[in-house]
């Protein structure tokens, strides 16, 4: 069976993004369904896969990373309205037997992602 994992890298400071709240949603024609809320650990990773075994299904998903509070705690002045308050990544899972890894590389003003392994 496949699984879904993630991690966060703070590219502005060159460190793992620890203590960042992450929400996982399943996206359907009826809307978004919250599956799980987790917080990244000291290494910027979740302590366990976000999805695995029977919960790992083909479909459309969304990860939301709450990065503004992380950068504020790091002492970054984001102003009254942060440029990136939370970062949303929508992606598809097509193979229930594969490992889908969705990393987030972020700073207060930019982000990128890719399908990792």
C-alpha atoms as a PDB file:
ATOM      1  CA  UNK A   1       0.000   0.000   0.000  1.00  0.00           C
ATOM      2  CA  UNK A   2       1.048   3.565  -0.654  1.00  0.00           C
ATOM      3  CA  UNK A   3       1.360   6.501   1.674  1.00  0.00           C
ATOM      4  CA  UNK A   4       1.405  10.301   1.758  1.00  0.00           C
ATOM      5  CA  UNK A   5       4.127  12.225   3.582  1.00  0.00           C
ATOM      6  CA  UNK A   6       5.306  15.835   3.746  1.00  0.00           C
ATOM      7  CA  UNK A   7       7.964  18.032   5.236  1.00  0.00           C
ATOM      8  CA  UNK A   8       8.697  21.762   5.409  1.00  0.00           C
ATOM      9  CA  UNK A   9      11.997  23.518   4.779  1.00  0.00           C
ATOM     10  CA  UNK A  10      12.421  27.148   5.837  1.00  0.00           C
ATOM     11  CA  UNK A  11      14.573  28.373   2.952  1.00  0.00           C
ATOM     12  CA  UNK A  12      14.895  31.877   4.417  1.00  0.00           C
ATOM     13  CA  UNK A  13      16.760  30.539   7.454  1.00  0.00           C
ATOM     14  CA  UNK A  14      18.130  27.271   6.077  1.00  0.00           C
ATOM     15  CA  UNK A  15      16.415  25.109   8.700  1.00  0.00           C
ATOM     16  CA  UNK A  16      13.545  22.627   8.947  1.00  0.00           C
ATOM     17  CA  UNK A  17      10.164  24.279   9.466  1.00  0.00           C
ATOM     18  CA  UNK A  18       9.251  22.955  12.909  1.00  0.00           C
ATOM     19  CA  UNK A  19       5.969  23.495  14.764  1.00  0.00           C
ATOM     20  CA  UNK A  20       4.012  24.383  11.607  1.00  0.00           C
ATOM     21  CA  UNK A  21       0.338  23.393  11.628  1.00  0.00           C
ATOM     22  CA  UNK A  22      -0.707  21.411   8.548  1.00  0.00           C
ATOM     23  CA  UNK A  23      -4.218  20.424   7.498  1.00  0.00           C
ATOM     24  CA  UNK A  24      -5.020  17.714   4.958  1.00  0.00           C
ATOM     25  CA  UNK A  25      -8.294  17.785   3.006  1.00  0.00           C
ATOM     26  CA  UNK A  26      -9.873  15.416   0.499  1.00  0.00           C
ATOM     27  CA  UNK A  27     -11.432  17.412  -2.371  1.00  0.00           C
ATOM     28  CA  UNK A  28     -14.610  16.062  -3.980  1.00  0.00           C
ATOM     29  CA  UNK A  29     -17.457  17.447  -6.078  1.00  0.00           C
ATOM     30  CA  UNK A  30     -19.284  18.044  -2.784  1.00  0.00           C
ATOM     31  CA  UNK A  31     -16.456  20.179  -1.363  1.00  0.00           C
ATOM     32  CA  UNK A  32     -13.540  19.780   1.019  1.00  0.00           C
ATOM     33  CA  UNK A  33     -13.427  17.194   3.801  1.00  0.00           C
ATOM     34  CA  UNK A  34     -10.881  17.685   6.596  1.00  0.00           C
ATOM     35  CA  UNK A  35      -8.975  14.436   7.097  1.00  0.00           C
ATOM     36  CA  UNK A  36      -6.244  15.369   9.523  1.00  0.00           C
ATOM     37  CA  UNK A  37      -4.518  18.234  11.335  1.00  0.00           C
ATOM     38  CA  UNK A  38      -0.898  17.751  12.393  1.00  0.00           C
ATOM     39  CA  UNK A  39       2.113  19.805  13.453  1.00  0.00           C
ATOM     40  CA  UNK A  40       5.590  19.368  12.018  1.00  0.00           C
ATOM     41  CA  UNK A  41       8.275  18.076  14.360  1.00  0.00           C
ATOM     42  CA  UNK A  42      11.834  19.320  15.024  1.00  0.00           C
ATOM     43  CA  UNK A  43      12.903  18.013  11.599  1.00  0.00           C
ATOM     44  CA  UNK A  44      10.059  19.748   9.732  1.00  0.00           C
ATOM     45  CA  UNK A  45       8.324  16.403   9.165  1.00  0.00           C
ATOM     46  CA  UNK A  46       5.172  14.825  10.508  1.00  0.00           C
ATOM     47  CA  UNK A  47       5.641  12.028  13.019  1.00  0.00           C
ATOM     48  CA  UNK A  48       3.741   9.578  10.820  1.00  0.00           C
ATOM     49  CA  UNK A  49       2.368   9.466   7.271  1.00  0.00           C
ATOM     50  CA  UNK A  50      -0.611  11.721   6.597  1.00  0.00           C
ATOM     51  CA  UNK A  51      -2.353   8.892   4.747  1.00  0.00           C
ATOM     52  CA  UNK A  52      -1.608   5.202   4.543  1.00  0.00           C
ATOM     53  CA  UNK A  53      -3.240   1.766   4.264  1.00  0.00           C
ATOM     54  CA  UNK A  54      -7.018   1.857   3.707  1.00  0.00           C
ATOM     55  CA  UNK A  55      -7.169   5.676   4.067  1.00  0.00           C
ATOM     56  CA  UNK A  56      -4.801   6.134   1.109  1.00  0.00           C
ATOM     57  CA  UNK A  57      -7.178   6.525  -1.836  1.00  0.00           C
ATOM     58  CA  UNK A  58      -6.986   7.783  -5.397  1.00  0.00           C
ATOM     59  CA  UNK A  59      -8.310  11.345  -5.556  1.00  0.00           C
ATOM     60  CA  UNK A  60      -7.690  15.042  -5.234  1.00  0.00           C
ATOM     61  CA  UNK A  61      -6.210  16.433  -2.010  1.00  0.00           C
ATOM     62  CA  UNK A  62      -5.127  19.723  -0.477  1.00  0.00           C
ATOM     63  CA  UNK A  63      -2.476  20.466   2.109  1.00  0.00           C
ATOM     64  CA  UNK A  64      -2.632  23.804   3.916  1.00  0.00           C
ATOM     65  CA  UNK A  65       0.506  24.923   5.736  1.00  0.00           C
ATOM     66  CA  UNK A  66       0.056  27.744   8.266  1.00  0.00           C
ATOM     67  CA  UNK A  67       3.384  29.480   7.739  1.00  0.00           C
ATOM     68  CA  UNK A  68       2.706  33.091   8.818  1.00  0.00           C
ATOM     69  CA  UNK A  69       2.515  32.166  12.495  1.00  0.00           C
ATOM     70  CA  UNK A  70       5.753  30.191  12.107  1.00  0.00           C
ATOM     71  CA  UNK A  71       7.645  33.160  10.624  1.00  0.00           C
ATOM     72  CA  UNK A  72       6.133  35.542  13.189  1.00  0.00           C
ATOM     73  CA  UNK A  73       7.454  33.274  15.967  1.00  0.00           C
ATOM     74  CA  UNK A  74      10.868  33.473  14.253  1.00  0.00           C
ATOM     75  CA  UNK A  75      10.732  37.268  14.671  1.00  0.00           C
ATOM     76  CA  UNK A  76       9.898  38.161  11.070  1.00  0.00           C
ATOM     77  CA  UNK A  77       7.773  41.317  10.721  1.00  0.00           C
ATOM     78  CA  UNK A  78       5.108  40.277   8.221  1.00  0.00           C
ATOM     79  CA  UNK A  79       3.165  43.528   8.447  1.00  0.00           C
ATOM     80  CA  UNK A  80      -0.573  43.781   9.106  1.00  0.00           C
ATOM     81  CA  UNK A  81      -1.461  41.383   6.307  1.00  0.00           C
ATOM     82  CA  UNK A  82       1.174  38.705   5.559  1.00  0.00           C
ATOM     83  CA  UNK A  83       2.008  38.161   1.900  1.00  0.00           C
ATOM     84  CA  UNK A  84       1.720  34.392   2.520  1.00  0.00           C
ATOM     85  CA  UNK A  85      -0.547  33.723   5.479  1.00  0.00           C
ATOM     86  CA  UNK A  86      -1.151  30.078   4.708  1.00  0.00           C
ATOM     87  CA  UNK A  87       0.099  28.060   1.755  1.00  0.00           C
ATOM     88  CA  UNK A  88      -2.269  25.728  -0.055  1.00  0.00           C
ATOM     89  CA  UNK A  89      -1.074  22.902  -2.313  1.00  0.00           C
ATOM     90  CA  UNK A  90      -3.633  20.879  -4.301  1.00  0.00           C
ATOM     91  CA  UNK A  91      -2.470  17.638  -5.849  1.00  0.00           C
ATOM     92  CA  UNK A  92      -3.749  14.324  -7.122  1.00  0.00           C
ATOM     93  CA  UNK A  93      -3.061  10.751  -6.078  1.00  0.00           C
ATOM     94  CA  UNK A  94      -3.401   8.286  -8.948  1.00  0.00           C
ATOM     95  CA  UNK A  95      -1.642   5.164  -7.668  1.00  0.00           C
ATOM     96  CA  UNK A  96      -2.604   3.572  -4.346  1.00  0.00           C
ATOM     97  CA  UNK A  97       0.650   1.603  -4.289  1.00  0.00           C
ATOM     98  CA  UNK A  98       3.038   4.575  -4.534  1.00  0.00           C
ATOM     99  CA  UNK A  99       4.661   6.834  -1.996  1.00  0.00           C
ATOM    100  CA  UNK A 100       3.567  10.437  -2.562  1.00  0.00           C
ATOM    101  CA  UNK A 101       5.824  12.926  -0.804  1.00  0.00           C
ATOM    102  CA  UNK A 102       4.783  16.605  -1.000  1.00  0.00           C
ATOM    103  CA  UNK A 103       7.506  18.832   0.456  1.00  0.00           C
ATOM    104  CA  UNK A 104       7.133  22.571   0.980  1.00  0.00           C
ATOM    105  CA  UNK A 105      10.111  24.898   0.619  1.00  0.00           C
ATOM    106  CA  UNK A 106       9.102  28.333   1.886  1.00  0.00           C
ATOM    107  CA  UNK A 107      10.086  31.803   2.982  1.00  0.00           C
ATOM    108  CA  UNK A 108       7.839  34.679   4.067  1.00  0.00           C
ATOM    109  CA  UNK A 109       7.501  35.724   0.405  1.00  0.00           C
ATOM    110  CA  UNK A 110       7.836  32.596  -1.730  1.00  0.00           C
ATOM    111  CA  UNK A 111       7.299  28.864  -1.842  1.00  0.00           C
ATOM    112  CA  UNK A 112       7.805  25.851  -4.065  1.00  0.00           C
ATOM    113  CA  UNK A 113       6.909  22.192  -4.035  1.00  0.00           C
ATOM    114  CA  UNK A 114       7.453  19.048  -6.061  1.00  0.00           C
ATOM    115  CA  UNK A 115       6.579  15.375  -5.961  1.00  0.00           C
ATOM    116  CA  UNK A 116       9.329  13.847  -3.896  1.00  0.00           C
ATOM    117  CA  UNK A 117      10.102  10.247  -3.119  1.00  0.00           C
END
